[in-house]
N, C-alpha and C. Protein backbone atom coordinates (compact mmCIF):
# COMPACT_ATOMS: atom_id res chain seq x y z
N MET A 1 54.20 255.35 74.07
CA MET A 1 55.33 255.95 73.34
C MET A 1 56.45 254.92 73.20
N THR A 2 56.91 254.71 72.00
CA THR A 2 57.98 253.75 71.76
C THR A 2 59.33 254.39 72.06
N THR A 3 60.14 253.71 72.83
CA THR A 3 61.46 254.24 73.18
C THR A 3 62.52 253.58 72.32
N ILE A 4 63.70 254.20 72.30
CA ILE A 4 64.83 253.61 71.57
C ILE A 4 65.17 252.25 72.15
N ALA A 5 65.15 252.18 73.48
CA ALA A 5 65.46 250.91 74.14
C ALA A 5 64.46 249.83 73.74
N GLY A 6 63.17 250.25 73.61
CA GLY A 6 62.14 249.31 73.20
C GLY A 6 62.37 248.79 71.80
N ASN A 7 62.77 249.70 70.90
CA ASN A 7 63.06 249.30 69.52
C ASN A 7 64.22 248.33 69.46
N ILE A 8 65.24 248.60 70.25
CA ILE A 8 66.40 247.72 70.29
C ILE A 8 66.00 246.33 70.78
N SER A 9 65.14 246.31 71.80
CA SER A 9 64.69 245.03 72.35
C SER A 9 63.89 244.25 71.32
N MET A 10 63.02 244.96 70.57
CA MET A 10 62.18 244.30 69.56
C MET A 10 63.02 243.71 68.44
N ASN A 11 64.15 244.33 68.16
CA ASN A 11 64.99 243.88 67.04
C ASN A 11 66.29 243.25 67.51
N SER A 12 66.26 242.71 68.73
CA SER A 12 67.50 242.20 69.33
C SER A 12 68.11 241.04 68.56
N ASN A 13 67.31 240.35 67.76
CA ASN A 13 67.82 239.19 67.04
C ASN A 13 68.36 239.53 65.65
N TYR A 14 68.12 240.76 65.20
CA TYR A 14 68.47 241.09 63.81
C TYR A 14 69.96 240.94 63.53
N VAL A 15 70.79 241.47 64.41
CA VAL A 15 72.23 241.42 64.19
C VAL A 15 72.70 239.97 64.15
N ARG A 16 72.26 239.18 65.12
CA ARG A 16 72.67 237.77 65.16
C ARG A 16 72.19 237.03 63.91
N GLU A 17 70.94 237.25 63.51
CA GLU A 17 70.39 236.56 62.34
C GLU A 17 71.14 236.94 61.06
N PHE A 18 71.47 238.23 60.93
CA PHE A 18 72.20 238.68 59.75
C PHE A 18 73.57 238.02 59.69
N LEU A 19 74.25 237.98 60.83
CA LEU A 19 75.57 237.37 60.87
C LEU A 19 75.49 235.86 60.64
N GLU A 20 74.45 235.23 61.13
CA GLU A 20 74.27 233.80 60.89
C GLU A 20 74.02 233.53 59.40
N GLU A 21 73.25 234.41 58.76
CA GLU A 21 73.05 234.30 57.31
C GLU A 21 74.39 234.40 56.59
N SER A 22 75.22 235.33 57.04
CA SER A 22 76.53 235.52 56.42
C SER A 22 77.38 234.27 56.54
N THR A 23 77.32 233.63 57.70
CA THR A 23 78.06 232.39 57.91
C THR A 23 77.57 231.29 56.97
N GLN A 24 76.25 231.21 56.80
CA GLN A 24 75.69 230.22 55.88
C GLN A 24 76.14 230.48 54.44
N ILE A 25 76.19 231.75 54.07
CA ILE A 25 76.63 232.10 52.72
C ILE A 25 78.08 231.66 52.50
N ILE A 26 78.93 231.95 53.48
CA ILE A 26 80.34 231.55 53.38
C ILE A 26 80.45 230.04 53.19
N ASP A 27 79.66 229.29 53.95
CA ASP A 27 79.71 227.83 53.86
C ASP A 27 79.28 227.32 52.49
N LYS A 28 78.42 228.09 51.80
CA LYS A 28 77.89 227.65 50.52
C LYS A 28 78.61 228.24 49.31
N LEU A 29 79.56 229.13 49.53
CA LEU A 29 80.28 229.73 48.41
C LEU A 29 81.02 228.67 47.60
N ASP A 30 81.04 228.86 46.30
CA ASP A 30 81.72 227.93 45.38
C ASP A 30 83.20 228.32 45.30
N GLU A 31 84.02 227.63 46.06
CA GLU A 31 85.45 227.95 46.08
C GLU A 31 86.10 227.72 44.73
N ALA A 32 85.64 226.73 44.01
CA ALA A 32 86.19 226.45 42.68
C ALA A 32 85.93 227.61 41.73
N ALA A 33 84.78 228.25 41.86
CA ALA A 33 84.46 229.40 41.01
C ALA A 33 85.39 230.57 41.32
N ILE A 34 85.71 230.74 42.59
CA ILE A 34 86.65 231.81 42.97
C ILE A 34 88.03 231.52 42.39
N GLU A 35 88.45 230.27 42.47
CA GLU A 35 89.75 229.89 41.90
C GLU A 35 89.78 230.10 40.39
N ARG A 36 88.67 229.80 39.71
CA ARG A 36 88.60 230.04 38.27
C ARG A 36 88.74 231.53 37.96
N MET A 37 88.10 232.34 38.77
CA MET A 37 88.20 233.79 38.58
C MET A 37 89.65 234.25 38.72
N VAL A 38 90.33 233.75 39.73
CA VAL A 38 91.74 234.09 39.92
C VAL A 38 92.55 233.69 38.69
N GLN A 39 92.31 232.49 38.18
CA GLN A 39 93.05 232.00 37.01
C GLN A 39 92.80 232.88 35.79
N VAL A 40 91.54 233.25 35.56
CA VAL A 40 91.22 234.09 34.40
C VAL A 40 91.93 235.43 34.50
N ILE A 41 91.92 236.03 35.68
CA ILE A 41 92.56 237.33 35.85
C ILE A 41 94.08 237.20 35.78
N ALA A 42 94.62 236.10 36.31
CA ALA A 42 96.06 235.86 36.23
C ALA A 42 96.50 235.73 34.77
N GLU A 43 95.69 235.07 33.97
CA GLU A 43 96.00 234.95 32.53
C GLU A 43 95.92 236.30 31.84
N THR A 44 94.96 237.12 32.25
CA THR A 44 94.85 238.48 31.70
C THR A 44 96.11 239.28 32.02
N LYS A 45 96.56 239.17 33.26
CA LYS A 45 97.77 239.88 33.67
C LYS A 45 98.98 239.39 32.88
N LYS A 46 99.10 238.08 32.71
CA LYS A 46 100.25 237.50 32.02
C LYS A 46 100.36 237.98 30.58
N ARG A 47 99.23 238.16 29.91
CA ARG A 47 99.27 238.58 28.51
C ARG A 47 99.23 240.11 28.35
N GLY A 48 99.32 240.82 29.47
CA GLY A 48 99.35 242.28 29.41
C GLY A 48 98.01 242.91 29.14
N GLY A 49 96.94 242.19 29.46
CA GLY A 49 95.59 242.71 29.25
C GLY A 49 95.17 243.65 30.37
N ARG A 50 94.05 244.29 30.15
CA ARG A 50 93.51 245.25 31.11
C ARG A 50 92.24 244.71 31.76
N LEU A 51 91.94 245.23 32.95
CA LEU A 51 90.71 244.90 33.66
C LEU A 51 89.76 246.08 33.56
N PHE A 52 88.52 245.82 33.15
CA PHE A 52 87.49 246.85 33.11
C PHE A 52 86.38 246.45 34.08
N PHE A 53 86.13 247.30 35.08
CA PHE A 53 85.12 247.01 36.09
C PHE A 53 83.83 247.76 35.78
N VAL A 54 82.69 247.05 35.88
CA VAL A 54 81.39 247.68 35.66
C VAL A 54 80.42 247.26 36.76
N GLY A 55 79.54 248.18 37.11
CA GLY A 55 78.50 247.91 38.09
C GLY A 55 77.65 249.16 38.24
N SER A 56 76.49 249.02 38.84
CA SER A 56 75.61 250.16 39.08
C SER A 56 75.33 250.26 40.58
N GLY A 57 75.13 251.48 41.08
CA GLY A 57 74.87 251.64 42.50
C GLY A 57 76.05 251.18 43.33
N GLY A 58 75.80 250.23 44.23
CA GLY A 58 76.89 249.68 45.03
C GLY A 58 77.96 249.05 44.17
N GLY A 59 77.55 248.46 43.05
CA GLY A 59 78.51 247.85 42.13
C GLY A 59 79.45 248.87 41.52
N ALA A 60 78.95 250.09 41.30
CA ALA A 60 79.81 251.16 40.78
C ALA A 60 80.85 251.55 41.82
N GLY A 61 80.42 251.57 43.09
CA GLY A 61 81.37 251.85 44.17
C GLY A 61 82.44 250.78 44.25
N HIS A 62 82.04 249.51 44.16
CA HIS A 62 83.01 248.42 44.14
C HIS A 62 83.96 248.56 42.95
N SER A 63 83.43 248.95 41.80
CA SER A 63 84.26 249.07 40.59
C SER A 63 85.39 250.06 40.79
N SER A 64 85.07 251.20 41.37
CA SER A 64 86.09 252.23 41.60
C SER A 64 87.15 251.75 42.58
N HIS A 65 86.71 251.15 43.68
CA HIS A 65 87.63 250.65 44.70
C HIS A 65 88.48 249.51 44.14
N ALA A 66 87.84 248.60 43.42
CA ALA A 66 88.56 247.46 42.87
C ALA A 66 89.60 247.88 41.84
N ALA A 67 89.25 248.85 40.99
CA ALA A 67 90.21 249.34 39.99
C ALA A 67 91.45 249.88 40.69
N CYS A 68 91.25 250.59 41.79
CA CYS A 68 92.38 251.10 42.58
C CYS A 68 93.26 249.96 43.08
N ASP A 69 92.65 248.97 43.70
CA ASP A 69 93.43 247.90 44.33
C ASP A 69 94.09 246.97 43.33
N PHE A 70 93.42 246.66 42.23
CA PHE A 70 94.04 245.78 41.24
C PHE A 70 95.21 246.48 40.54
N ARG A 71 95.16 247.80 40.43
CA ARG A 71 96.30 248.54 39.89
C ARG A 71 97.45 248.54 40.90
N LYS A 72 97.12 248.91 42.15
CA LYS A 72 98.14 249.13 43.17
C LYS A 72 98.71 247.83 43.74
N LEU A 73 97.85 246.85 43.98
CA LEU A 73 98.29 245.62 44.65
C LEU A 73 98.62 244.48 43.71
N ALA A 74 97.96 244.45 42.54
CA ALA A 74 98.20 243.36 41.60
C ALA A 74 98.97 243.80 40.36
N GLY A 75 99.18 245.11 40.20
CA GLY A 75 99.95 245.60 39.06
C GLY A 75 99.28 245.39 37.72
N ILE A 76 97.94 245.41 37.71
CA ILE A 76 97.19 245.23 36.46
C ILE A 76 96.56 246.56 36.06
N GLU A 77 96.73 246.94 34.82
CA GLU A 77 96.09 248.16 34.32
C GLU A 77 94.58 247.98 34.42
N SER A 78 93.93 248.82 35.22
CA SER A 78 92.51 248.61 35.54
C SER A 78 91.74 249.92 35.48
N TYR A 79 90.47 249.82 35.10
CA TYR A 79 89.62 251.00 34.97
C TYR A 79 88.20 250.69 35.44
N SER A 80 87.56 251.71 36.00
CA SER A 80 86.15 251.63 36.34
C SER A 80 85.37 252.48 35.35
N VAL A 81 84.40 251.89 34.69
CA VAL A 81 83.65 252.58 33.64
C VAL A 81 82.94 253.82 34.17
N THR A 82 82.58 253.83 35.45
CA THR A 82 81.78 254.92 36.00
C THR A 82 82.59 256.02 36.68
N ASP A 83 83.90 255.96 36.64
CA ASP A 83 84.70 256.94 37.38
C ASP A 83 84.66 258.35 36.79
N ASN A 84 84.53 258.46 35.46
CA ASN A 84 84.49 259.78 34.83
C ASN A 84 83.03 260.22 34.75
N VAL A 85 82.60 261.02 35.72
CA VAL A 85 81.19 261.42 35.81
C VAL A 85 80.77 262.23 34.60
N SER A 86 81.65 263.09 34.11
CA SER A 86 81.31 263.92 32.95
C SER A 86 81.01 263.06 31.73
N GLU A 87 81.90 262.10 31.45
CA GLU A 87 81.68 261.24 30.29
C GLU A 87 80.45 260.36 30.48
N LEU A 88 80.30 259.79 31.67
CA LEU A 88 79.17 258.90 31.92
C LEU A 88 77.84 259.62 31.71
N THR A 89 77.71 260.81 32.32
CA THR A 89 76.43 261.52 32.21
C THR A 89 76.19 262.03 30.79
N ALA A 90 77.25 262.37 30.08
CA ALA A 90 77.09 262.78 28.68
C ALA A 90 76.58 261.62 27.84
N ARG A 91 77.12 260.44 28.07
CA ARG A 91 76.69 259.27 27.31
C ARG A 91 75.25 258.88 27.68
N VAL A 92 74.91 258.94 28.95
CA VAL A 92 73.54 258.63 29.37
C VAL A 92 72.57 259.61 28.72
N ASN A 93 72.93 260.88 28.72
CA ASN A 93 72.07 261.92 28.16
C ASN A 93 71.93 261.81 26.64
N ASP A 94 73.04 261.54 25.97
CA ASP A 94 73.06 261.59 24.50
C ASP A 94 72.83 260.24 23.82
N GLU A 95 73.18 259.14 24.51
CA GLU A 95 73.16 257.83 23.85
C GLU A 95 72.20 256.83 24.49
N SER A 96 71.85 257.01 25.72
CA SER A 96 70.96 256.16 26.53
C SER A 96 71.74 255.45 27.63
N TRP A 97 71.04 255.22 28.72
CA TRP A 97 71.63 254.51 29.85
C TRP A 97 72.03 253.09 29.45
N ASP A 98 71.18 252.42 28.69
CA ASP A 98 71.44 251.02 28.33
C ASP A 98 72.73 250.84 27.54
N ASP A 99 73.10 251.84 26.75
CA ASP A 99 74.29 251.73 25.90
C ASP A 99 75.51 252.46 26.45
N SER A 100 75.34 253.19 27.54
CA SER A 100 76.41 254.06 28.04
C SER A 100 77.69 253.31 28.40
N TYR A 101 77.57 252.18 29.10
CA TYR A 101 78.76 251.43 29.51
C TYR A 101 79.44 250.79 28.30
N ALA A 102 78.64 250.16 27.45
CA ALA A 102 79.21 249.48 26.28
C ALA A 102 79.92 250.46 25.36
N ASN A 103 79.35 251.64 25.18
CA ASN A 103 79.99 252.64 24.32
C ASN A 103 81.29 253.15 24.94
N TRP A 104 81.33 253.25 26.25
CA TRP A 104 82.58 253.61 26.94
C TRP A 104 83.64 252.55 26.66
N LEU A 105 83.25 251.29 26.74
CA LEU A 105 84.19 250.19 26.50
C LEU A 105 84.67 250.17 25.05
N LYS A 106 83.78 250.51 24.12
CA LYS A 106 84.17 250.56 22.71
C LYS A 106 85.27 251.60 22.50
N VAL A 107 85.08 252.79 23.04
CA VAL A 107 86.07 253.85 22.89
C VAL A 107 87.39 253.46 23.56
N SER A 108 87.30 252.67 24.62
CA SER A 108 88.50 252.21 25.31
C SER A 108 89.13 251.01 24.61
N ARG A 109 88.53 250.60 23.51
CA ARG A 109 89.05 249.52 22.67
C ARG A 109 89.25 248.22 23.44
N ILE A 110 88.25 247.84 24.21
CA ILE A 110 88.32 246.55 24.89
C ILE A 110 88.53 245.46 23.83
N GLY A 111 89.46 244.55 24.12
CA GLY A 111 89.81 243.53 23.14
C GLY A 111 90.01 242.17 23.75
N SER A 112 90.50 241.25 22.97
CA SER A 112 90.61 239.85 23.39
C SER A 112 91.63 239.63 24.51
N ALA A 113 92.55 240.57 24.69
CA ALA A 113 93.54 240.42 25.76
C ALA A 113 92.98 240.86 27.11
N ASP A 114 91.85 241.58 27.08
CA ASP A 114 91.32 242.21 28.28
C ASP A 114 90.30 241.34 29.01
N CYS A 115 89.86 241.83 30.17
CA CYS A 115 88.88 241.12 30.99
C CYS A 115 87.85 242.11 31.53
N LEU A 116 86.58 241.77 31.40
CA LEU A 116 85.49 242.56 31.97
C LEU A 116 85.10 241.93 33.30
N PHE A 117 85.06 242.74 34.35
CA PHE A 117 84.71 242.28 35.69
C PHE A 117 83.41 242.96 36.09
N VAL A 118 82.36 242.17 36.32
CA VAL A 118 81.02 242.71 36.55
C VAL A 118 80.57 242.50 38.00
N PHE A 119 80.07 243.57 38.61
CA PHE A 119 79.42 243.48 39.92
C PHE A 119 77.93 243.73 39.71
N SER A 120 77.08 242.77 40.07
CA SER A 120 75.64 242.93 39.88
C SER A 120 74.89 242.10 40.91
N VAL A 121 73.79 242.64 41.40
CA VAL A 121 72.99 241.88 42.36
C VAL A 121 72.26 240.73 41.67
N GLY A 122 71.75 240.98 40.44
CA GLY A 122 71.00 239.94 39.75
C GLY A 122 71.64 239.41 38.49
N GLY A 123 72.73 240.02 38.05
CA GLY A 123 73.43 239.54 36.87
C GLY A 123 72.90 240.05 35.55
N GLY A 124 71.82 240.84 35.61
CA GLY A 124 71.24 241.41 34.39
C GLY A 124 70.19 240.51 33.77
N ASP A 125 69.13 241.13 33.26
CA ASP A 125 68.05 240.39 32.61
C ASP A 125 67.46 241.28 31.53
N GLU A 126 67.79 240.99 30.28
CA GLU A 126 67.34 241.84 29.18
C GLU A 126 65.83 241.78 28.98
N VAL A 127 65.23 240.62 29.16
CA VAL A 127 63.79 240.46 28.98
C VAL A 127 63.03 241.27 30.02
N ALA A 128 63.49 241.21 31.27
CA ALA A 128 62.85 241.96 32.35
C ALA A 128 63.29 243.42 32.38
N GLU A 129 64.21 243.77 31.50
CA GLU A 129 64.75 245.14 31.41
C GLU A 129 65.38 245.59 32.72
N ILE A 130 66.19 244.71 33.28
CA ILE A 130 66.93 245.02 34.50
C ILE A 130 68.42 244.97 34.21
N SER A 131 69.12 246.04 34.53
CA SER A 131 70.58 246.13 34.32
C SER A 131 70.97 245.82 32.88
N VAL A 132 70.22 246.40 31.95
CA VAL A 132 70.52 246.18 30.53
C VAL A 132 71.87 246.79 30.16
N ASN A 133 72.27 247.85 30.87
CA ASN A 133 73.60 248.43 30.63
C ASN A 133 74.70 247.41 30.87
N LEU A 134 74.52 246.55 31.87
CA LEU A 134 75.51 245.51 32.15
C LEU A 134 75.42 244.39 31.12
N VAL A 135 74.21 244.03 30.75
CA VAL A 135 74.02 243.00 29.72
C VAL A 135 74.71 243.40 28.42
N ASN A 136 74.54 244.66 28.02
CA ASN A 136 75.16 245.13 26.77
C ASN A 136 76.68 245.17 26.88
N SER A 137 77.18 245.47 28.07
CA SER A 137 78.63 245.45 28.28
C SER A 137 79.18 244.03 28.15
N ILE A 138 78.45 243.08 28.71
CA ILE A 138 78.86 241.67 28.63
C ILE A 138 78.83 241.19 27.19
N LYS A 139 77.78 241.56 26.47
CA LYS A 139 77.67 241.16 25.06
C LYS A 139 78.83 241.72 24.24
N LEU A 140 79.17 242.97 24.48
CA LEU A 140 80.29 243.58 23.75
C LEU A 140 81.59 242.86 24.05
N ALA A 141 81.84 242.61 25.34
CA ALA A 141 83.07 241.92 25.73
C ALA A 141 83.16 240.55 25.06
N ALA A 142 82.04 239.83 25.05
CA ALA A 142 82.03 238.51 24.42
C ALA A 142 82.29 238.61 22.92
N SER A 143 81.76 239.65 22.29
CA SER A 143 81.89 239.78 20.83
C SER A 143 83.33 240.04 20.39
N VAL A 144 84.15 240.62 21.27
CA VAL A 144 85.54 240.90 20.91
C VAL A 144 86.50 239.86 21.50
N GLY A 145 85.95 238.86 22.18
CA GLY A 145 86.79 237.79 22.73
C GLY A 145 87.43 238.10 24.05
N ALA A 146 86.95 239.14 24.75
CA ALA A 146 87.49 239.46 26.07
C ALA A 146 87.01 238.42 27.08
N SER A 147 87.79 238.21 28.13
CA SER A 147 87.36 237.34 29.22
C SER A 147 86.29 238.07 30.04
N ILE A 148 85.43 237.32 30.69
CA ILE A 148 84.35 237.91 31.49
C ILE A 148 84.27 237.18 32.82
N VAL A 149 84.34 237.95 33.91
CA VAL A 149 84.17 237.39 35.25
C VAL A 149 83.23 238.30 36.02
N GLY A 150 82.77 237.83 37.18
CA GLY A 150 81.90 238.69 37.96
C GLY A 150 81.42 238.04 39.23
N VAL A 151 80.77 238.87 40.05
CA VAL A 151 80.14 238.41 41.29
C VAL A 151 78.70 238.90 41.28
N ALA A 152 77.76 237.97 41.44
CA ALA A 152 76.34 238.32 41.38
C ALA A 152 75.55 237.53 42.40
N GLY A 153 74.33 238.01 42.67
CA GLY A 153 73.44 237.30 43.56
C GLY A 153 72.37 236.55 42.79
N ARG A 154 71.31 236.14 43.52
CA ARG A 154 70.20 235.38 42.93
C ARG A 154 70.73 234.16 42.18
N ASP A 155 70.42 234.03 40.87
CA ASP A 155 70.94 232.89 40.11
C ASP A 155 72.07 233.29 39.17
N GLY A 156 72.54 234.53 39.29
CA GLY A 156 73.63 235.01 38.45
C GLY A 156 73.19 235.65 37.16
N GLY A 157 71.91 235.46 36.77
CA GLY A 157 71.36 236.12 35.60
C GLY A 157 72.14 235.90 34.32
N PHE A 158 72.12 236.92 33.45
CA PHE A 158 72.81 236.84 32.17
C PHE A 158 74.31 236.67 32.35
N LEU A 159 74.84 237.28 33.41
CA LEU A 159 76.27 237.18 33.69
C LEU A 159 76.69 235.73 33.83
N ALA A 160 75.91 234.94 34.57
CA ALA A 160 76.25 233.53 34.78
C ALA A 160 76.24 232.74 33.48
N GLN A 161 75.40 233.15 32.54
CA GLN A 161 75.30 232.44 31.26
C GLN A 161 76.47 232.76 30.33
N ALA A 162 77.03 233.97 30.46
CA ALA A 162 78.00 234.44 29.47
C ALA A 162 79.43 234.54 29.97
N SER A 163 79.66 234.30 31.25
CA SER A 163 80.99 234.55 31.81
C SER A 163 81.91 233.34 31.78
N ASP A 164 83.19 233.63 31.92
CA ASP A 164 84.19 232.57 32.05
C ASP A 164 84.27 232.08 33.49
N ALA A 165 83.96 232.98 34.42
CA ALA A 165 83.95 232.62 35.84
C ALA A 165 83.03 233.58 36.57
N VAL A 166 82.04 233.05 37.26
CA VAL A 166 81.14 233.89 38.05
C VAL A 166 80.98 233.28 39.43
N VAL A 167 81.06 234.11 40.44
CA VAL A 167 80.80 233.68 41.81
C VAL A 167 79.39 234.15 42.15
N VAL A 168 78.51 233.20 42.41
CA VAL A 168 77.13 233.52 42.76
C VAL A 168 76.98 233.48 44.28
N ILE A 169 76.50 234.59 44.84
CA ILE A 169 76.28 234.67 46.28
C ILE A 169 74.95 233.99 46.60
N PRO A 170 74.95 232.90 47.36
CA PRO A 170 73.72 232.15 47.62
C PRO A 170 72.65 233.01 48.29
N PRO A 171 71.43 233.01 47.76
CA PRO A 171 70.34 233.82 48.33
C PRO A 171 69.70 233.14 49.54
N ILE A 172 70.34 233.25 50.67
CA ILE A 172 69.85 232.59 51.88
C ILE A 172 68.53 233.18 52.35
N ASN A 173 68.44 234.50 52.36
CA ASN A 173 67.24 235.20 52.82
C ASN A 173 66.78 236.16 51.73
N PRO A 174 65.59 235.95 51.16
CA PRO A 174 65.10 236.82 50.08
C PRO A 174 65.03 238.29 50.46
N GLN A 175 64.94 238.58 51.76
CA GLN A 175 64.86 239.97 52.21
C GLN A 175 66.22 240.66 52.25
N ASN A 176 67.28 239.90 52.16
CA ASN A 176 68.62 240.48 52.28
C ASN A 176 69.50 240.20 51.07
N ILE A 177 68.91 239.92 49.93
CA ILE A 177 69.70 239.56 48.75
C ILE A 177 70.65 240.69 48.35
N THR A 178 70.14 241.91 48.28
CA THR A 178 70.98 243.02 47.84
C THR A 178 72.09 243.32 48.83
N THR A 179 71.74 243.44 50.11
CA THR A 179 72.76 243.79 51.10
C THR A 179 73.83 242.71 51.23
N GLN A 180 73.41 241.46 51.26
CA GLN A 180 74.39 240.38 51.39
C GLN A 180 75.24 240.25 50.12
N THR A 181 74.61 240.38 48.96
CA THR A 181 75.37 240.27 47.71
C THR A 181 76.42 241.36 47.62
N GLU A 182 76.04 242.60 47.89
CA GLU A 182 77.00 243.69 47.79
C GLU A 182 78.10 243.58 48.84
N GLY A 183 77.74 243.10 50.03
CA GLY A 183 78.77 242.90 51.04
C GLY A 183 79.77 241.83 50.63
N PHE A 184 79.28 240.73 50.11
CA PHE A 184 80.17 239.65 49.71
C PHE A 184 80.93 239.95 48.42
N GLN A 185 80.41 240.84 47.59
CA GLN A 185 81.18 241.27 46.42
C GLN A 185 82.51 241.87 46.88
N ALA A 186 82.45 242.70 47.91
CA ALA A 186 83.67 243.31 48.43
C ALA A 186 84.61 242.24 48.99
N LEU A 187 84.06 241.29 49.71
CA LEU A 187 84.89 240.22 50.27
C LEU A 187 85.58 239.43 49.15
N ILE A 188 84.83 239.07 48.11
CA ILE A 188 85.38 238.24 47.04
C ILE A 188 86.49 238.95 46.29
N TRP A 189 86.27 240.20 45.87
CA TRP A 189 87.33 240.82 45.08
C TRP A 189 88.55 241.18 45.93
N HIS A 190 88.34 241.43 47.22
CA HIS A 190 89.51 241.63 48.08
C HIS A 190 90.30 240.32 48.22
N LEU A 191 89.58 239.21 48.33
CA LEU A 191 90.24 237.90 48.37
C LEU A 191 91.05 237.68 47.09
N VAL A 192 90.44 238.00 45.95
CA VAL A 192 91.09 237.75 44.66
C VAL A 192 92.32 238.62 44.48
N VAL A 193 92.22 239.90 44.78
CA VAL A 193 93.34 240.80 44.52
C VAL A 193 94.55 240.47 45.39
N CYS A 194 94.30 239.85 46.55
CA CYS A 194 95.41 239.48 47.44
C CYS A 194 95.83 238.02 47.29
N HIS A 195 95.25 237.32 46.31
CA HIS A 195 95.62 235.92 46.07
C HIS A 195 97.09 235.86 45.65
N PRO A 196 97.83 234.85 46.12
CA PRO A 196 99.26 234.74 45.78
C PRO A 196 99.56 234.76 44.28
N LEU A 197 98.61 234.32 43.45
CA LEU A 197 98.85 234.34 42.00
C LEU A 197 98.76 235.75 41.41
N LEU A 198 98.21 236.69 42.18
CA LEU A 198 97.99 238.03 41.65
C LEU A 198 98.71 239.13 42.40
N GLU A 199 98.79 239.02 43.71
CA GLU A 199 99.33 240.13 44.50
C GLU A 199 100.80 240.37 44.19
N SER A 200 101.13 241.62 43.89
CA SER A 200 102.52 241.97 43.60
C SER A 200 103.04 243.05 44.54
N ALA A 201 102.18 243.59 45.40
CA ALA A 201 102.59 244.59 46.38
C ALA A 201 101.81 244.36 47.67
N THR A 202 102.46 244.63 48.79
CA THR A 202 101.82 244.43 50.09
C THR A 202 101.09 245.69 50.53
N PRO A 203 99.85 245.57 51.01
CA PRO A 203 99.16 246.75 51.53
C PRO A 203 99.96 247.40 52.66
N LYS A 204 99.79 248.69 52.83
CA LYS A 204 100.62 249.45 53.77
C LYS A 204 100.60 248.88 55.19
N TRP A 205 99.40 248.62 55.73
CA TRP A 205 99.33 248.20 57.12
C TRP A 205 99.88 246.80 57.34
N GLU A 206 99.86 245.97 56.31
CA GLU A 206 100.46 244.64 56.44
C GLU A 206 101.99 244.71 56.43
N SER A 207 102.53 245.83 55.97
CA SER A 207 103.99 245.98 55.91
C SER A 207 104.55 246.66 57.15
N VAL A 208 103.66 247.14 58.03
CA VAL A 208 104.10 247.82 59.25
C VAL A 208 104.39 246.79 60.33
N ARG A 209 105.55 246.88 60.91
CA ARG A 209 105.93 245.95 61.97
C ARG A 209 106.07 246.67 63.31
């Protein structure tokens, strides 16, 4: 009979190995790409543009959280495409999943002053039919002259080809690409929103003395 203690003993290295992978990822992150992302968003803010966040699954969760923080901490008008469940599901049902995000952006009149911020594990691949909803959103943003930034794993996919600034999370362990990418997406956008070029308000707990 396998005991809980036995399972813990068998997997005693997992926590250390995961954290060591995380350290390796940090060491390999492209700091210049992060700085470019900050600059693109700072320029969007300066011209009065809006930030539109898109992602699926964990990326959708990041989008909602990021829209909150960029509004509250950076003073940028920001939206998450997936926050209105009624509209999203209506568009998926009536128009297709692949076009749902892009059609939302069209109605929101995304334009050249705005910036699309993409969270994706693979960056989208139209040929492989993976995250086509994100690919179509990126294509729309590019067609109207909007800026495009994002955080992705693997090789960055279509996002890396079409963006003004993309931070690619190095795939240290093929078994942990999704978990590490989604974890570092949160780290990157939190870093960006609190960057001195963008932050306009102090988070509550940092203001408590």
